[in-house]
């Protein structure tokens, strides 16, 4: 979950840039946290305004190359940390007035095309899919997890309806050979009864493995919780998602912390607890036709945001319980 997918290496397209900048308003100054620095698209636009500071995070150490140039250009207005955004609470922010925190949960073109990362079904060689600071790879998962575990990963993280057959054929094949990227693609092609000529057969399985290997569900949930803690009153928390599972988590988090639970009019009057967020709009912001024409990969992007109403640091949320089944599936990796 690091930075926006882009269609060529020569140009970087931070998705919904105009809309996000208009919402977080860096022209008024303040400190902003870019949780998925990537190629630095959002950070650069923010730093082009005077009196702004950016703290950028990325689990991919390759992003540090871009960050070093930012340090030269913007000096002490820019800080980079090679950490996962779930570790936001480890930042020392005693006197920082955090005005905005942005997550962009896509992958960069450079990550997708990096053969060492093995994120793409077009890659050669080992199944890796580690974005950085990982404990295991996709190769470990494919060659060591049991059939039921693989089936659940494909079903719940990729919405792969034929995950059962794919998992069964993986188990059979790995008895003969260690499975690499090409081998997995062949197994998927052989297992799929219903062919989709618009989307590559391997798309959903590879999405599921990327989510699993990088623990993207628990990373996102912890990232949202810790971001909400450190954001100041009036600050904006915004997230760009690229698939329905991410969007479902973000939507639930914002909605559950911006609404008081409904109370029967026949119940005794009770004092309503102050909500943490204010939702300016319930529906997500999506790219314009013009942006999609310029960057086709933005077509699945959705941006949701909320404004923090109070300076609460500690608050109650049931988001981990709500998505407990997905977190438990991620824990299959603990034995790898």
Protein backbone atom coordinates (compact mmCIF):
# COMPACT_ATOMS: atom_id res chain seq x y z
CA UNK A 1 0.00 0.00 0.00
CA UNK A 2 2.49 2.58 -1.10
CA UNK A 3 1.72 5.42 -3.52
CA UNK A 4 -0.40 5.67 -6.63
CA UNK A 5 -0.20 3.31 -9.59
CA UNK A 6 1.10 5.16 -12.66
CA UNK A 7 1.27 4.09 -16.30
CA UNK A 8 4.82 5.11 -17.16
CA UNK A 9 8.07 5.65 -15.36
CA UNK A 10 8.64 9.09 -16.82
CA UNK A 11 5.72 10.79 -15.11
CA UNK A 12 4.20 10.37 -11.67
CA UNK A 13 0.46 10.83 -11.20
CA UNK A 14 -0.64 11.42 -7.62
CA UNK A 15 -4.33 10.59 -7.80
CA UNK A 16 -6.96 13.29 -7.06
CA UNK A 17 -4.18 15.78 -6.30
CA UNK A 18 -6.23 18.95 -6.92
CA UNK A 19 -9.14 17.71 -4.84
CA UNK A 20 -6.95 16.60 -1.93
CA UNK A 21 -4.97 19.86 -1.84
CA UNK A 22 -8.19 21.90 -1.85
CA UNK A 23 -9.46 19.88 1.14
CA UNK A 24 -6.32 19.90 3.33
CA UNK A 25 -5.58 23.61 2.53
CA UNK A 26 -1.76 23.77 2.87
CA UNK A 27 -1.84 27.42 1.78
CA UNK A 28 -2.59 28.25 5.42
CA UNK A 29 0.56 26.49 6.63
CA UNK A 30 1.03 23.71 9.15
CA UNK A 31 2.52 20.24 9.38
CA UNK A 32 1.22 17.42 7.19
CA UNK A 33 1.97 13.70 7.27
CA UNK A 34 2.28 11.84 3.97
CA UNK A 35 1.89 8.22 5.10
CA UNK A 36 2.70 6.67 1.70
CA UNK A 37 5.45 8.91 0.31
CA UNK A 38 6.29 6.83 -2.77
CA UNK A 39 7.50 9.21 -5.48
CA UNK A 40 6.55 12.24 -3.40
CA UNK A 41 3.67 13.65 -5.44
CA UNK A 42 1.53 14.86 -2.53
CA UNK A 43 4.50 15.95 -0.41
CA UNK A 44 5.93 18.13 -3.18
CA UNK A 45 2.64 19.91 -3.80
CA UNK A 46 2.22 20.60 -0.08
CA UNK A 47 5.79 21.87 0.32
CA UNK A 48 5.35 24.28 -2.58
CA UNK A 49 3.28 26.36 -0.15
CA UNK A 50 5.20 28.52 2.33
CA UNK A 51 5.01 27.77 6.06
CA UNK A 52 4.34 24.08 5.49
CA UNK A 53 6.23 21.07 6.81
CA UNK A 54 5.92 17.45 5.75
CA UNK A 55 6.70 14.28 7.65
CA UNK A 56 6.82 11.51 5.05
CA UNK A 57 6.66 7.78 5.74
CA UNK A 58 7.21 4.76 3.52
CA UNK A 59 7.96 1.13 4.31
CA UNK A 60 9.77 0.77 0.97
CA UNK A 61 13.40 1.77 1.50
CA UNK A 62 13.65 2.59 -2.22
CA UNK A 63 11.57 5.69 -1.53
CA UNK A 64 14.51 7.09 0.45
CA UNK A 65 16.26 7.89 -2.84
CA UNK A 66 13.49 10.33 -3.73
CA UNK A 67 13.33 11.56 -0.14
CA UNK A 68 17.02 12.50 -0.15
CA UNK A 69 16.39 14.93 -3.02
CA UNK A 70 13.46 16.41 -1.07
CA UNK A 71 15.80 16.96 1.90
CA UNK A 72 18.13 18.96 -0.33
CA UNK A 73 15.31 21.01 -1.85
CA UNK A 74 13.24 21.69 1.27
CA UNK A 75 15.83 21.39 4.06
CA UNK A 76 14.36 21.15 7.56
CA UNK A 77 10.79 21.48 6.27
CA UNK A 78 10.89 17.83 5.21
CA UNK A 79 11.50 14.67 7.28
CA UNK A 80 11.47 11.11 5.96
CA UNK A 81 11.01 7.93 8.01
CA UNK A 82 11.42 4.41 6.61
CA UNK A 83 8.63 2.93 8.75
CA UNK A 84 5.19 1.40 8.24
CA UNK A 85 2.29 3.80 8.75
CA UNK A 86 0.95 1.57 11.53
CA UNK A 87 3.90 2.99 13.51
CA UNK A 88 2.61 6.57 13.36
CA UNK A 89 2.31 6.58 17.13
CA UNK A 90 6.12 6.19 17.38
CA UNK A 91 6.72 9.63 15.87
CA UNK A 92 7.79 12.26 18.40
CA UNK A 93 5.24 15.00 17.81
CA UNK A 94 5.21 16.94 21.06
CA UNK A 95 4.60 20.42 19.66
CA UNK A 96 3.55 19.64 16.11
CA UNK A 97 0.22 21.01 14.93
CA UNK A 98 -0.76 18.20 12.54
CA UNK A 99 -3.18 19.76 10.04
CA UNK A 100 -3.56 16.83 7.66
CA UNK A 101 -2.70 13.15 7.31
CA UNK A 102 -2.94 11.51 3.89
CA UNK A 103 -2.82 7.81 2.90
CA UNK A 104 -2.62 6.69 -0.75
CA UNK A 105 -3.08 2.91 -0.75
CA UNK A 106 -2.05 2.17 -4.33
CA UNK A 107 1.24 0.86 -5.69
CA UNK A 108 3.68 2.87 -7.76
CA UNK A 109 4.59 1.85 -11.29
CA UNK A 110 8.21 1.46 -10.20
CA UNK A 111 7.14 -1.02 -7.51
CA UNK A 112 4.94 -3.02 -9.88
CA UNK A 113 7.71 -3.21 -12.50
CA UNK A 114 10.55 -3.95 -10.06
CA UNK A 115 11.46 -7.61 -10.75
CA UNK A 116 12.95 -7.95 -7.26
CA UNK A 117 9.60 -7.18 -5.66
CA UNK A 118 7.70 -9.67 -7.82
CA UNK A 119 4.38 -7.83 -7.43
CA UNK A 120 3.21 -8.39 -10.99
CA UNK A 121 1.94 -11.56 -12.63
CA UNK A 122 4.11 -10.51 -15.58
CA UNK A 123 7.28 -10.70 -13.48
CA UNK A 124 9.91 -13.40 -13.81
CA UNK A 125 11.34 -15.57 -11.07
CA UNK A 126 10.54 -15.68 -7.38
CA UNK A 127 7.22 -14.77 -5.81
CA UNK A 128 8.24 -11.97 -3.46
CA UNK A 129 5.64 -9.16 -3.06
CA UNK A 130 7.36 -7.66 0.00
CA UNK A 131 7.04 -3.88 0.04
CA UNK A 132 9.51 -3.54 2.90
CA UNK A 133 9.83 -4.37 6.58
CA UNK A 134 8.24 -7.78 6.02
CA UNK A 135 8.59 -11.12 7.78
CA UNK A 136 7.80 -13.47 4.88
CA UNK A 137 7.21 -13.51 1.12
CA UNK A 138 4.50 -14.71 -1.26
CA UNK A 139 6.76 -17.64 -2.09
CA UNK A 140 6.68 -18.68 1.58
CA UNK A 141 2.88 -18.46 1.61
CA UNK A 142 2.32 -20.36 -1.62
CA UNK A 143 4.77 -23.14 -0.78
CA UNK A 144 4.06 -23.58 2.95
CA UNK A 145 0.45 -22.71 3.87
CA UNK A 146 -2.18 -25.43 3.72
CA UNK A 147 -5.03 -25.66 1.24
CA UNK A 148 -7.74 -24.16 3.48
CA UNK A 149 -5.52 -21.22 4.44
CA UNK A 150 -4.71 -20.42 0.82
CA UNK A 151 -8.37 -20.72 -0.14
CA UNK A 152 -9.37 -18.19 2.54
CA UNK A 153 -6.64 -15.75 1.48
CA UNK A 154 -7.84 -15.88 -2.13
CA UNK A 155 -11.51 -15.63 -1.18
CA UNK A 156 -11.42 -12.86 1.43
CA UNK A 157 -8.52 -10.75 0.17
CA UNK A 158 -9.08 -11.18 -3.55
CA UNK A 159 -12.76 -12.08 -3.87
CA UNK A 160 -11.58 -15.03 -5.99
CA UNK A 161 -14.60 -17.29 -6.44
CA UNK A 162 -12.51 -20.19 -7.72
CA UNK A 163 -9.96 -19.97 -4.92
CA UNK A 164 -10.78 -23.50 -3.75
CA UNK A 165 -9.65 -25.06 -7.03
CA UNK A 166 -6.62 -22.80 -7.30
CA UNK A 167 -5.51 -23.70 -3.75
CA UNK A 168 -6.01 -27.42 -4.42
CA UNK A 169 -3.90 -27.29 -7.58
CA UNK A 170 -1.18 -25.31 -5.79
CA UNK A 171 -0.87 -28.09 -3.21
CA UNK A 172 -0.61 -30.72 -5.97
CA UNK A 173 1.97 -28.80 -7.97
CA UNK A 174 4.24 -27.93 -5.07
CA UNK A 175 4.69 -31.63 -4.28
CA UNK A 176 6.62 -31.78 -7.56
CA UNK A 177 8.17 -28.31 -7.91
CA UNK A 178 8.68 -25.11 -5.93
CA UNK A 179 6.21 -22.59 -7.33
CA UNK A 180 7.48 -19.31 -8.80
CA UNK A 181 5.58 -16.45 -10.48
CA UNK A 182 5.15 -18.11 -13.87
CA UNK A 183 4.25 -21.39 -12.22
CA UNK A 184 1.51 -19.75 -10.17
CA UNK A 185 0.06 -17.99 -13.22
CA UNK A 186 -0.10 -21.35 -15.04
CA UNK A 187 -1.87 -22.97 -12.08
CA UNK A 188 -4.43 -20.15 -11.97
CA UNK A 189 -5.06 -20.38 -15.72
CA UNK A 190 -5.56 -24.14 -15.46
CA UNK A 191 -7.88 -23.81 -12.44
CA UNK A 192 -10.19 -21.10 -13.74
CA UNK A 193 -13.37 -22.47 -15.25
CA UNK A 194 -14.73 -19.06 -16.13
CA UNK A 195 -12.33 -17.02 -18.24
CA UNK A 196 -12.40 -13.23 -18.06
CA UNK A 197 -10.97 -11.67 -21.18
CA UNK A 198 -11.09 -8.13 -19.75
CA UNK A 199 -9.12 -8.85 -16.58
CA UNK A 200 -6.10 -11.15 -16.30
CA UNK A 201 -6.95 -14.47 -14.65
CA UNK A 202 -4.26 -13.95 -12.01
CA UNK A 203 -5.33 -10.44 -10.94
CA UNK A 204 -7.39 -11.41 -7.88
CA UNK A 205 -4.97 -14.02 -6.55
CA UNK A 206 -2.02 -11.65 -6.88
CA UNK A 207 -4.00 -8.89 -5.13
CA UNK A 208 -4.83 -11.30 -2.32
CA UNK A 209 -1.20 -12.33 -1.89
CA UNK A 210 0.02 -8.72 -1.82
CA UNK A 211 -2.52 -7.91 0.89
CA UNK A 212 -1.55 -11.00 2.89
CA UNK A 213 2.25 -10.63 2.62
CA UNK A 214 2.18 -6.95 3.59
CA UNK A 215 -0.54 -7.37 6.24
CA UNK A 216 -2.42 -4.57 4.58
CA UNK A 217 -5.63 -5.04 6.58
CA UNK A 218 -4.11 -4.67 10.05
CA UNK A 219 -1.67 -2.04 8.72
CA UNK A 220 -4.55 0.08 7.48
CA UNK A 221 -6.61 -0.35 10.63
CA UNK A 222 -3.72 0.53 12.96
CA UNK A 223 -2.69 3.36 10.66
CA UNK A 224 -6.18 4.89 10.82
CA UNK A 225 -6.38 4.54 14.61
CA UNK A 226 -2.96 6.11 15.21
CA UNK A 227 -3.56 8.87 12.66
CA UNK A 228 -6.81 9.78 14.38
CA UNK A 229 -4.97 10.01 17.70
CA UNK A 230 -2.23 12.41 16.61
CA UNK A 231 -4.31 14.63 14.34
CA UNK A 232 -5.19 18.00 15.88
CA UNK A 233 -8.64 19.56 16.17
CA UNK A 234 -9.73 20.82 12.76
CA UNK A 235 -7.23 18.58 10.99
CA UNK A 236 -8.13 16.40 8.02
CA UNK A 237 -7.60 12.64 7.77
CA UNK A 238 -7.91 11.44 4.17
CA UNK A 239 -7.46 8.08 2.44
CA UNK A 240 -7.26 7.12 -1.24
CA UNK A 241 -8.32 3.49 -1.77
CA UNK A 242 -8.19 1.33 -4.90
CA UNK A 243 -10.31 -1.71 -4.10
CA UNK A 244 -13.55 -2.41 -2.25
CA UNK A 245 -12.00 -4.11 0.78
CA UNK A 246 -9.87 -1.06 1.65
CA UNK A 247 -12.78 1.28 1.00
CA UNK A 248 -15.08 -0.76 3.24
CA UNK A 249 -12.63 -0.43 6.15
CA UNK A 250 -12.13 3.32 5.69
CA UNK A 251 -15.85 3.95 5.25
CA UNK A 252 -16.68 2.05 8.44
CA UNK A 253 -13.96 3.81 10.45
CA UNK A 254 -15.12 7.30 9.51
CA UNK A 255 -18.83 6.53 9.81
CA UNK A 256 -18.54 4.80 13.19
CA UNK A 257 -16.60 7.72 14.69
CA UNK A 258 -18.77 10.48 13.23
CA UNK A 259 -22.23 9.25 14.16
CA UNK A 260 -23.94 8.80 17.48
CA UNK A 261 -25.73 5.48 17.69
CA UNK A 262 -29.47 5.78 17.15
CA UNK A 263 -31.51 5.81 20.34
CA UNK A 264 -35.18 4.86 20.67
CA UNK A 265 -37.43 7.81 21.47
CA UNK A 266 -39.00 5.63 24.18
CA UNK A 267 -35.67 5.18 25.99
CA UNK A 268 -34.69 7.40 28.92
CA UNK A 269 -32.83 10.52 27.83
CA UNK A 270 -29.10 9.97 27.85
CA UNK A 271 -26.23 12.32 27.18
CA UNK A 272 -24.76 11.80 23.72
CA UNK A 273 -21.02 11.19 23.62
CA UNK A 274 -19.17 13.73 21.50
CA UNK A 275 -18.08 12.23 18.19
CA UNK A 276 -14.46 12.31 17.07
CA UNK A 277 -14.99 13.22 13.41
CA UNK A 278 -17.21 15.32 11.23
CA UNK A 279 -17.98 13.91 7.78
CA UNK A 280 -18.27 16.72 5.26
CA UNK A 281 -19.65 14.35 2.65
CA UNK A 282 -20.66 10.71 2.91
CA UNK A 283 -19.91 9.67 -0.64
CA UNK A 284 -16.30 9.27 -1.76
CA UNK A 285 -14.64 11.66 -4.18
CA UNK A 286 -13.71 9.97 -7.46
CA UNK A 287 -11.47 11.08 -10.34
CA UNK A 288 -12.88 13.21 -13.12
CA UNK A 289 -13.15 11.91 -16.68
CA UNK A 290 -10.25 14.20 -17.55
CA UNK A 291 -8.01 12.63 -14.89
CA UNK A 292 -8.97 9.10 -15.92
CA UNK A 293 -8.14 9.91 -19.54
CA UNK A 294 -4.71 11.15 -18.43
CA UNK A 295 -4.09 8.31 -15.97
CA UNK A 296 -6.24 5.25 -16.60
CA UNK A 297 -5.08 3.60 -13.35
CA UNK A 298 -6.91 6.27 -11.36
CA UNK A 299 -10.30 4.94 -12.49
CA UNK A 300 -10.77 2.75 -9.40
CA UNK A 301 -9.62 5.39 -6.90
CA UNK A 302 -11.90 6.66 -4.13
CA UNK A 303 -11.01 9.40 -1.65
CA UNK A 304 -12.74 9.61 1.72
CA UNK A 305 -11.91 12.15 4.40
CA UNK A 306 -13.07 13.39 7.79
CA UNK A 307 -12.32 16.41 9.97
CA UNK A 308 -11.35 15.90 13.59
CA UNK A 309 -13.73 17.73 15.93
CA UNK A 310 -11.85 17.46 19.22
CA UNK A 311 -8.35 17.02 20.59
CA UNK A 312 -9.09 13.57 22.04
CA UNK A 313 -6.05 11.30 21.98
CA UNK A 314 -7.74 8.21 23.35
CA UNK A 315 -11.09 7.10 21.95
CA UNK A 316 -13.09 3.90 21.59
CA UNK A 317 -13.44 2.14 18.24
CA UNK A 318 -14.66 -1.34 17.39
CA UNK A 319 -13.00 -1.43 13.97
CA UNK A 320 -10.66 -4.29 14.92
CA UNK A 321 -13.62 -6.38 16.09
CA UNK A 322 -15.55 -5.49 12.94
CA UNK A 323 -12.79 -6.89 10.70
CA UNK A 324 -11.50 -9.57 13.09
CA UNK A 325 -11.98 -12.37 10.55
CA UNK A 326 -9.60 -10.66 8.10
CA UNK A 327 -7.00 -9.98 10.79
CA UNK A 328 -7.14 -13.65 11.79
CA UNK A 329 -6.42 -14.68 8.19
CA UNK A 330 -3.37 -12.41 8.17
CA UNK A 331 -2.13 -14.26 11.23
CA UNK A 332 -1.55 -17.37 9.12
CA UNK A 333 1.74 -15.67 8.31
CA UNK A 334 2.92 -15.89 11.92
CA UNK A 335 4.00 -19.50 11.38
CA UNK A 336 5.99 -18.80 8.19
